[in-house]
Protein backbone atom coordinates (compact mmCIF):
# COMPACT_ATOMS: atom_id res chain seq x y z
CA MET A 1 -66.22 -91.76 15.16
CA PRO A 2 -66.41 -87.93 15.06
CA LEU A 3 -64.13 -86.10 12.55
CA ARG A 4 -61.15 -84.38 13.99
CA PRO A 5 -60.55 -80.81 13.00
CA TRP A 6 -57.60 -79.99 10.88
CA PRO A 7 -54.84 -78.18 12.69
CA GLU A 8 -54.76 -74.42 12.61
CA ALA A 9 -51.71 -72.21 12.32
CA ALA A 10 -49.81 -71.87 15.47
CA ARG A 11 -49.05 -68.20 15.14
CA PRO A 12 -51.61 -66.07 17.03
CA ILE A 13 -53.46 -63.34 15.27
CA GLY A 14 -54.27 -60.27 17.27
CA PRO A 15 -57.66 -58.59 17.20
CA VAL A 16 -56.75 -55.87 14.77
CA GLY A 17 -55.05 -58.44 12.42
CA ALA A 18 -58.05 -60.73 12.66
CA ALA A 19 -60.43 -57.89 11.93
CA LEU A 20 -58.49 -56.70 8.92
CA THR A 21 -58.09 -60.26 7.48
CA ALA A 22 -61.84 -60.96 8.02
CA CYS A 23 -62.86 -57.82 6.27
CA LEU A 24 -60.55 -58.47 3.37
CA LEU A 25 -61.84 -61.94 2.99
CA SER A 26 -65.36 -60.78 3.14
CA ALA A 27 -64.72 -58.26 0.40
CA ILE A 28 -63.18 -60.92 -1.78
CA GLY A 29 -65.86 -63.51 -1.01
CA ILE A 30 -68.65 -61.06 -1.96
CA SER A 31 -66.98 -59.96 -5.18
CA CYS A 32 -69.12 -62.10 -7.43
CA TRP A 33 -72.17 -60.33 -5.99
CA ASN A 34 -70.67 -56.95 -6.32
CA LEU A 35 -69.62 -57.56 -9.96
CA MET A 36 -72.83 -59.40 -10.94
CA PRO A 37 -74.35 -56.68 -13.16
CA VAL A 38 -71.19 -56.19 -15.15
CA ILE A 39 -70.19 -59.83 -15.47
CA LEU A 40 -73.82 -60.73 -16.37
CA GLY A 41 -73.86 -57.86 -18.95
CA ALA A 42 -70.57 -59.17 -20.44
CA ALA A 43 -72.05 -62.72 -20.56
CA ALA A 44 -75.20 -61.37 -22.21
CA ASP A 45 -73.23 -59.63 -24.95
CA ALA A 46 -70.90 -62.62 -25.52
CA HIS A 47 -73.69 -65.32 -25.70
CA ALA A 48 -76.71 -63.24 -26.75
CA LEU A 49 -78.73 -64.11 -23.63
CA ASP A 50 -82.30 -62.91 -23.17
CA ASP A 51 -83.64 -61.59 -19.84
CA GLN A 52 -84.79 -64.96 -18.49
CA ALA A 53 -81.54 -66.75 -19.42
CA LEU A 54 -79.65 -63.95 -17.91
CA GLY A 55 -81.62 -64.07 -14.62
CA LEU A 56 -81.15 -67.86 -14.47
CA LEU A 57 -77.39 -67.46 -14.96
CA GLY A 58 -77.23 -65.21 -11.93
CA SER A 59 -79.39 -67.64 -10.06
CA THR A 60 -77.01 -70.43 -10.95
CA LEU A 61 -74.00 -68.58 -9.64
CA LEU A 62 -75.70 -67.91 -6.31
CA GLY A 63 -77.24 -71.40 -6.40
CA GLY A 64 -73.67 -72.82 -6.13
CA TRP A 65 -73.10 -70.26 -3.38
CA LEU A 66 -76.25 -71.56 -1.51
CA PHE A 67 -75.11 -75.22 -1.82
CA ALA A 68 -71.63 -74.41 -0.33
CA THR A 69 -72.95 -72.28 2.44
CA VAL A 70 -75.29 -75.00 3.64
CA VAL A 71 -72.54 -77.59 3.55
CA SER A 72 -70.12 -75.14 5.33
CA PHE A 73 -72.71 -74.60 8.15
CA TYR A 74 -72.37 -78.22 9.17
CA ARG A 75 -68.77 -79.05 8.07
CA LEU A 76 -66.77 -75.79 8.53
CA PRO A 77 -66.45 -76.18 12.27
CA VAL A 78 -64.60 -79.50 11.88
CA VAL A 79 -62.13 -78.60 9.18
CA SER A 80 -59.41 -76.13 9.03
CA ARG A 81 -60.33 -72.63 7.99
CA HIS A 82 -57.04 -72.46 6.07
CA LEU A 83 -58.04 -75.56 4.08
CA ALA A 84 -61.56 -74.20 3.44
CA LEU A 85 -60.11 -70.91 2.29
CA THR A 86 -57.55 -72.48 -0.07
CA VAL A 87 -60.12 -74.81 -1.63
CA GLY A 88 -62.65 -72.04 -1.90
CA ALA A 89 -60.28 -69.78 -3.73
CA ALA A 90 -59.27 -72.51 -6.13
CA LEU A 91 -62.89 -73.45 -6.95
CA ALA A 92 -63.95 -69.86 -7.47
CA ALA A 93 -61.02 -69.02 -9.78
CA SER A 94 -61.15 -72.32 -11.78
CA GLY A 95 -64.99 -72.06 -12.24
CA PHE A 96 -64.85 -68.50 -13.75
CA ALA A 97 -61.94 -69.57 -15.94
CA LEU A 98 -63.78 -72.65 -17.13
CA ALA A 99 -66.70 -70.57 -18.24
CA LEU A 100 -64.55 -69.49 -21.17
CA LEU A 101 -64.07 -73.08 -22.38
CA THR A 102 -67.80 -73.65 -23.38
CA ASN A 103 -70.14 -72.19 -25.87
CA HIS A 104 -73.22 -74.03 -24.52
CA LEU A 105 -75.56 -72.26 -22.01
CA TRP A 106 -75.58 -75.43 -19.70
CA GLY A 107 -71.80 -75.38 -19.58
CA LEU A 108 -71.82 -71.75 -18.64
CA TYR A 109 -74.38 -72.53 -15.89
CA ALA A 110 -72.25 -75.37 -14.49
CA ALA A 111 -69.05 -73.35 -14.48
CA TRP A 112 -70.66 -70.42 -12.71
CA GLY A 113 -72.15 -72.76 -10.25
CA VAL A 114 -68.73 -74.10 -9.30
CA ALA A 115 -67.44 -70.59 -8.98
CA GLY A 116 -70.34 -69.65 -6.60
CA MET A 117 -69.42 -72.66 -4.46
CA GLY A 118 -65.84 -71.45 -4.08
CA ALA A 119 -66.81 -67.85 -3.44
CA ALA A 120 -69.15 -69.00 -0.68
CA MET A 121 -66.47 -71.00 1.06
CA VAL A 122 -64.23 -67.80 1.14
CA TYR A 123 -67.17 -65.72 2.51
CA CYS A 124 -68.12 -68.30 5.22
CA VAL A 125 -64.54 -68.24 6.65
CA SER A 126 -64.76 -64.48 6.82
CA ILE A 127 -68.18 -64.36 8.53
CA GLN A 128 -67.17 -66.90 11.16
CA THR A 129 -64.18 -64.71 11.99
CA ILE A 130 -66.32 -61.52 12.05
CA ALA A 131 -68.78 -63.26 14.38
CA GLU A 132 -66.17 -63.69 16.89
CA LEU A 133 -65.06 -59.96 16.98
CA GLY A 134 -68.07 -58.80 19.03
CA TYR A 135 -69.87 -55.43 19.09
CA VAL A 136 -72.17 -56.64 16.40
CA GLU A 137 -73.56 -53.39 14.85
CA ARG A 138 -70.02 -51.97 14.51
CA ALA A 139 -68.52 -55.19 13.36
CA PHE A 140 -71.01 -55.58 10.57
CA GLY A 141 -70.73 -51.98 9.64
CA LEU A 142 -67.01 -52.34 9.13
CA LYS A 143 -67.62 -55.57 7.23
CA VAL A 144 -69.93 -54.04 4.68
CA SER A 145 -67.74 -51.02 4.43
CA ALA A 146 -64.87 -53.18 3.24
CA GLU A 147 -67.13 -54.91 0.83
CA VAL A 148 -68.43 -51.81 -0.77
CA ILE A 149 -65.17 -50.01 -0.99
CA SER A 150 -63.54 -52.98 -2.66
CA GLY A 151 -66.64 -53.21 -4.83
CA ALA A 152 -66.10 -49.49 -5.94
CA LEU A 153 -62.61 -50.27 -7.14
CA LEU A 154 -63.73 -53.48 -8.98
CA LEU A 155 -66.81 -51.90 -10.55
CA PHE A 156 -64.60 -49.02 -11.98
CA ALA A 157 -61.78 -51.34 -13.14
CA PHE A 158 -63.81 -54.15 -14.72
CA PRO A 159 -65.97 -52.09 -17.24
CA VAL A 160 -63.34 -49.56 -18.05
CA LEU A 161 -60.13 -51.65 -18.04
CA LEU A 162 -61.09 -55.22 -18.61
CA ILE A 163 -64.52 -55.53 -20.40
CA ALA A 164 -64.00 -52.59 -22.68
CA SER A 165 -60.81 -54.11 -24.01
CA TRP A 166 -61.21 -57.83 -23.67
CA GLY A 167 -64.92 -58.36 -23.23
CA PHE A 168 -66.15 -61.56 -21.56
CA PRO A 169 -62.75 -63.25 -21.26
CA GLY A 170 -61.36 -60.05 -19.55
CA ALA A 171 -64.21 -60.25 -17.05
CA MET A 172 -63.74 -64.00 -16.27
CA TYR A 173 -59.98 -63.84 -15.95
CA GLY A 174 -60.16 -60.70 -13.85
CA ILE A 175 -62.63 -62.12 -11.28
CA ALA A 176 -60.69 -65.31 -11.19
CA ALA A 177 -57.55 -63.34 -10.21
CA VAL A 178 -59.57 -61.63 -7.43
CA TYR A 179 -60.46 -64.92 -5.89
CA LEU A 180 -56.92 -66.21 -6.07
CA LEU A 181 -55.96 -63.32 -3.78
CA ALA A 182 -57.92 -65.02 -1.01
CA ALA A 183 -55.32 -67.81 -0.88
CA VAL A 184 -52.65 -65.22 -0.21
CA LEU A 185 -54.37 -64.33 3.10
CA THR A 186 -54.36 -67.88 4.34
CA PRO A 187 -51.51 -67.54 6.84
CA TRP A 188 -53.25 -64.62 8.56
CA VAL A 189 -56.58 -66.31 9.13
CA ARG A 190 -57.46 -66.40 12.84
CA ALA A 191 -57.96 -69.69 14.54
CA PRO A 192 -61.44 -70.20 15.94
CA VAL A 193 -62.31 -68.91 19.38
CA GLN A 194 -62.57 -71.90 21.74
CA ARG A 195 -66.14 -72.22 23.14
CA GLU A 196 -68.13 -74.77 24.96
CA ALA A 197 -70.36 -76.69 22.59
CA SER A 198 -74.00 -75.60 22.65
CA VAL A 199 -76.40 -78.29 23.72
CA GLN A 200 -79.41 -76.43 22.31
CA PRO A 201 -80.50 -78.12 19.04
CA ILE A 202 -81.54 -75.98 16.09
CA SER A 203 -85.09 -77.12 16.53
CA ALA A 204 -85.12 -75.56 19.92
CA ILE A 205 -84.26 -71.98 18.72
CA PRO A 206 -87.36 -69.79 19.21
CA LEU A 207 -89.53 -68.71 16.22
CA ARG A 208 -88.47 -65.01 16.45
CA PRO A 209 -84.92 -65.49 15.18
CA TRP A 210 -86.10 -67.64 12.37
CA LEU A 211 -88.58 -64.96 11.30
CA ALA A 212 -85.62 -62.47 11.32
CA LEU A 213 -83.77 -64.77 9.04
CA LEU A 214 -86.86 -64.94 6.77
CA ALA A 215 -87.15 -61.09 6.71
CA LEU A 216 -83.53 -60.89 5.70
CA PHE A 217 -84.19 -63.28 2.94
CA VAL A 218 -87.16 -61.33 1.59
CA PHE A 219 -85.16 -58.10 1.68
CA MET A 220 -82.20 -59.65 -0.21
CA CYS A 221 -84.53 -61.09 -2.76
CA GLY A 222 -85.60 -57.59 -3.82
CA ILE A 223 -82.03 -56.43 -3.63
CA THR A 224 -80.46 -59.20 -5.74
CA GLY A 225 -83.32 -58.98 -8.19
CA ILE A 226 -82.74 -55.35 -9.09
CA TRP A 227 -78.93 -55.56 -8.82
CA ALA A 228 -78.79 -58.32 -11.34
CA PHE A 229 -80.39 -55.99 -13.98
CA MET A 230 -78.86 -52.71 -12.87
CA GLU A 231 -76.43 -52.74 -15.74
CA ARG A 232 -79.12 -53.55 -18.26
CA ILE A 233 -81.42 -50.83 -16.87
CA GLY A 234 -78.60 -48.33 -17.33
CA ARG A 235 -77.76 -49.36 -20.78
CA ASP A 236 -81.49 -49.22 -21.77
CA ILE A 237 -81.67 -45.60 -20.50
CA GLY A 238 -78.67 -44.83 -22.70
CA VAL A 239 -75.77 -44.80 -20.11
CA GLU A 240 -72.53 -45.64 -21.73
CA ALA A 241 -70.14 -48.43 -20.50
CA ALA A 242 -67.57 -45.99 -19.25
CA GLN A 243 -70.30 -43.90 -17.43
CA LEU A 244 -71.55 -47.04 -15.80
CA GLY A 245 -68.09 -47.94 -14.48
CA THR A 246 -67.88 -44.49 -12.86
CA ILE A 247 -71.45 -44.61 -11.49
CA PHE A 248 -70.98 -48.09 -10.11
CA ALA A 249 -67.72 -47.11 -8.54
CA LEU A 250 -69.16 -44.09 -6.78
CA LEU A 251 -72.19 -46.25 -5.89
CA LYS A 252 -69.90 -48.42 -3.80
CA VAL A 253 -68.45 -45.34 -2.15
CA VAL A 254 -71.97 -44.47 -1.02
CA GLY A 255 -72.29 -47.91 0.31
CA GLY A 256 -69.12 -47.46 2.24
CA ALA A 257 -70.56 -44.26 3.78
CA ALA A 258 -73.62 -46.30 4.82
CA GLY A 259 -71.42 -48.93 6.45
CA VAL A 260 -69.39 -46.24 8.30
CA THR A 261 -72.74 -44.74 9.40
CA ALA A 262 -73.66 -48.16 10.92
CA ALA A 263 -70.24 -48.56 12.54
CA PHE A 264 -70.49 -45.15 14.08
CA ALA A 265 -74.14 -45.20 15.11
CA GLY A 266 -74.11 -48.71 16.47
CA ASN A 267 -77.25 -49.02 18.60
CA ARG A 268 -77.20 -45.50 20.06
CA PHE A 269 -80.35 -44.42 18.34
CA GLY A 270 -82.26 -47.66 18.59
CA MET A 271 -82.69 -50.54 16.20
CA LEU A 272 -85.82 -49.58 14.20
CA TRP A 273 -84.80 -46.52 12.25
CA PRO A 274 -82.32 -48.31 9.89
CA HIS A 275 -85.08 -50.73 8.63
CA TRP A 276 -87.45 -47.90 7.87
CA THR A 277 -84.69 -45.90 6.24
CA ALA A 278 -83.74 -48.88 4.12
CA PHE A 279 -87.31 -49.15 2.86
CA PHE A 280 -87.74 -45.50 2.09
CA ALA A 281 -84.30 -45.30 0.29
CA VAL A 282 -85.13 -48.37 -1.80
CA GLY A 283 -88.58 -47.12 -2.50
CA GLY A 284 -87.37 -43.63 -3.38
CA ALA A 285 -84.53 -45.07 -5.58
CA VAL A 286 -86.89 -47.07 -7.75
CA VAL A 287 -89.07 -44.11 -8.41
CA VAL A 288 -85.97 -42.09 -9.45
CA LEU A 289 -84.84 -44.99 -11.72
CA HIS A 290 -88.28 -45.22 -13.22
CA LEU A 291 -88.26 -41.56 -14.14
CA ALA A 292 -84.59 -41.48 -15.29
CA ASP A 293 -83.92 -40.44 -18.80
CA GLY A 294 -80.12 -40.07 -18.58
CA SER A 295 -77.06 -40.85 -16.66
CA GLN A 296 -77.54 -38.26 -13.98
CA MET A 297 -80.86 -39.53 -12.70
CA PHE A 298 -79.81 -43.13 -13.14
CA ALA A 299 -76.73 -42.39 -10.90
CA ALA A 300 -78.94 -40.71 -8.32
CA GLY A 301 -81.31 -43.68 -8.12
CA ALA A 302 -78.53 -46.22 -7.98
CA TRP A 303 -76.78 -44.34 -5.27
CA ILE A 304 -79.89 -43.86 -3.06
CA TRP A 305 -80.61 -47.58 -3.61
CA GLU A 306 -77.03 -48.58 -2.49
CA PHE A 307 -77.26 -46.53 0.71
CA GLY A 308 -80.53 -48.00 1.77
CA PHE A 309 -79.47 -51.58 0.93
CA THR A 310 -76.05 -51.28 2.78
CA LEU A 311 -77.49 -49.69 5.78
CA GLY A 312 -80.42 -52.12 6.04
CA PHE A 313 -78.27 -55.22 5.55
CA ALA A 314 -75.83 -54.32 8.28
CA TYR A 315 -78.47 -53.71 10.82
CA GLN A 316 -80.54 -56.75 9.82
CA CYS A 317 -77.47 -59.01 10.38
CA ALA A 318 -76.92 -57.41 13.75
CA ALA A 319 -80.65 -57.79 14.59
CA LEU A 320 -80.33 -61.55 13.99
CA VAL A 321 -77.56 -61.78 16.54
CA ARG A 322 -79.58 -59.78 19.04
CA LEU A 323 -82.54 -62.05 18.63
CA ASP A 324 -80.81 -65.37 18.40
CA HIS A 325 -79.16 -65.97 21.87
CA SER A 326 -77.56 -69.21 20.73
CA GLN A 327 -75.95 -67.28 17.89
CA ARG A 328 -76.10 -70.40 15.68
CA LEU A 329 -78.27 -68.88 12.98
CA LEU A 330 -75.63 -66.19 12.23
CA LEU A 331 -73.79 -68.83 10.10
CA LEU A 332 -76.89 -69.12 7.99
CA ILE A 333 -76.63 -65.58 6.73
CA PRO A 334 -74.49 -66.65 3.84
CA SER A 335 -77.03 -69.34 2.92
CA CYS A 336 -79.71 -66.63 3.14
CA ILE A 337 -77.83 -64.51 0.65
CA GLY A 338 -77.33 -67.50 -1.61
CA LEU A 339 -81.03 -68.53 -1.54
CA SER A 340 -82.07 -64.98 -2.17
CA GLY A 341 -79.63 -64.86 -5.06
CA VAL A 342 -81.30 -67.92 -6.54
CA VAL A 343 -84.86 -66.60 -6.09
CA GLY A 344 -84.37 -62.89 -6.54
CA PRO A 345 -82.77 -62.61 -10.12
CA ALA A 346 -85.07 -65.38 -11.51
CA LEU A 347 -88.20 -63.64 -10.29
CA ALA A 348 -86.93 -60.29 -11.38
CA GLY A 349 -86.06 -61.64 -14.79
CA PHE A 350 -89.56 -63.01 -15.23
CA ALA A 351 -91.04 -59.76 -13.95
CA ARG A 352 -88.86 -57.78 -16.38
CA GLY A 353 -89.79 -60.03 -19.24
CA THR A 354 -93.57 -59.51 -18.44
CA TYR A 355 -93.87 -55.93 -17.17
CA GLY A 356 -90.48 -54.39 -18.13
CA ASP A 357 -88.34 -52.49 -15.63
CA LEU A 358 -91.48 -51.45 -13.68
CA GLY A 359 -91.89 -55.06 -12.62
CA VAL A 360 -88.39 -55.12 -11.22
CA TYR A 361 -88.92 -51.84 -9.34
CA ALA A 362 -92.18 -53.04 -7.85
CA PHE A 363 -90.66 -56.33 -6.82
CA ALA A 364 -87.68 -54.59 -4.94
CA ALA A 365 -89.84 -52.06 -3.23
CA THR A 366 -92.35 -54.64 -2.01
CA CYS A 367 -89.58 -56.86 -0.64
CA SER A 368 -88.15 -53.94 1.28
CA LEU A 369 -91.48 -52.95 2.70
CA VAL A 370 -92.18 -56.52 3.99
CA ALA A 371 -88.75 -56.70 5.61
CA ALA A 372 -89.20 -53.38 7.35
CA VAL A 373 -92.54 -54.28 8.81
CA MET A 374 -91.23 -57.72 9.93
CA PHE A 375 -88.26 -56.18 11.70
CA ASN A 376 -90.34 -53.51 13.29
CA TYR A 377 -92.36 -56.28 14.91
CA LEU A 378 -89.40 -58.54 15.84
CA LEU A 379 -87.38 -55.85 17.40
CA ALA A 380 -90.19 -54.14 19.32
CA PRO A 381 -89.28 -56.01 22.59
CA LEU A 382 -85.64 -54.69 22.28
CA ARG A 383 -86.44 -50.92 22.46
CA ALA A 384 -84.85 -50.72 25.80
CA PRO A 385 -81.19 -49.60 25.87
CA LEU A 386 -78.89 -52.38 24.48
CA LYS A 387 -75.44 -53.49 25.54
CA ASP A 388 -72.76 -54.40 23.07
CA ILE A 389 -72.25 -58.13 22.64
CA ALA A 390 -68.49 -58.63 23.28
CA VAL A 391 -66.81 -61.89 22.36
CA PRO A 392 -63.55 -62.66 24.12
């Protein structure tokens, strides 16, 4: 007997309200990723973690994320989005709070894994709603703009206001409070758009969309790998905690500019330039970071990196929608982020332990190059003028 969906709220949500709610939920859901360098740094200082343990802690957080996104891909369509959002907010908040109750590394891993599962549930609700807004390049541009602008505020507040005063407990209670805000938005979550069920099985989806998902995964492995150690890289250069807060806050403003660029440009100038721009930005950024000897060059490298990452990610998600006519693989984007978060920080941690920061830089640049080449190949048949994909 098939499961019956939970009832959704009866009050209709208009397009503007749905877009605003979805973007806010996306910003909250991705907060653990935005705050990863500072919360990992706080954990490292509190528990004296080495590079490998630190990388595995980041992988555990996003490992929980990965598990929840895979489950959500199959189960979220048959349960209430309101229920999923409430449970996700509760799991994320409680997981980060429970991390303060253990002095053992494995207990810390378990608590962060639970928090990652809750964060993923919040994010999955948001991305399903965003997928129904249509105009994919603009929709994803607005989505990442909301994520990076909120990230700017959080990355300024956490190091300066919370971690500087209360250390690791301040970081954990602060991020728990952020995820509890998702529950406040529950009444405004849009009910799913009613569609006819697709009869095409996943196995019948052509190879090209799957390769696009693989390219997104490779790109995100490099991104999460360097992002997990960005705070440590800055501290090793000699950047103070207060300076890091300001640099990371402005970094997210740069990311917001990249999202606005994607929202404005859409597909007017073709689909290939953003992917090569992302590669050259990430490659140039790691060169600047490698040569950095103070806060100014570190800031420049971090900001260039953020612009390339944000622009590339927005257009890679939109490219997947363009390539996958069934639009079923779109819901695997959160899983792709989670899997890259498991693999990326762990590989970067081992690379840093063996080759220092240069290993992390080479890893990130190589992943960006592979992704650019793959998307250039996959999008070549779509060089003709494109129409916006509108969803009723």
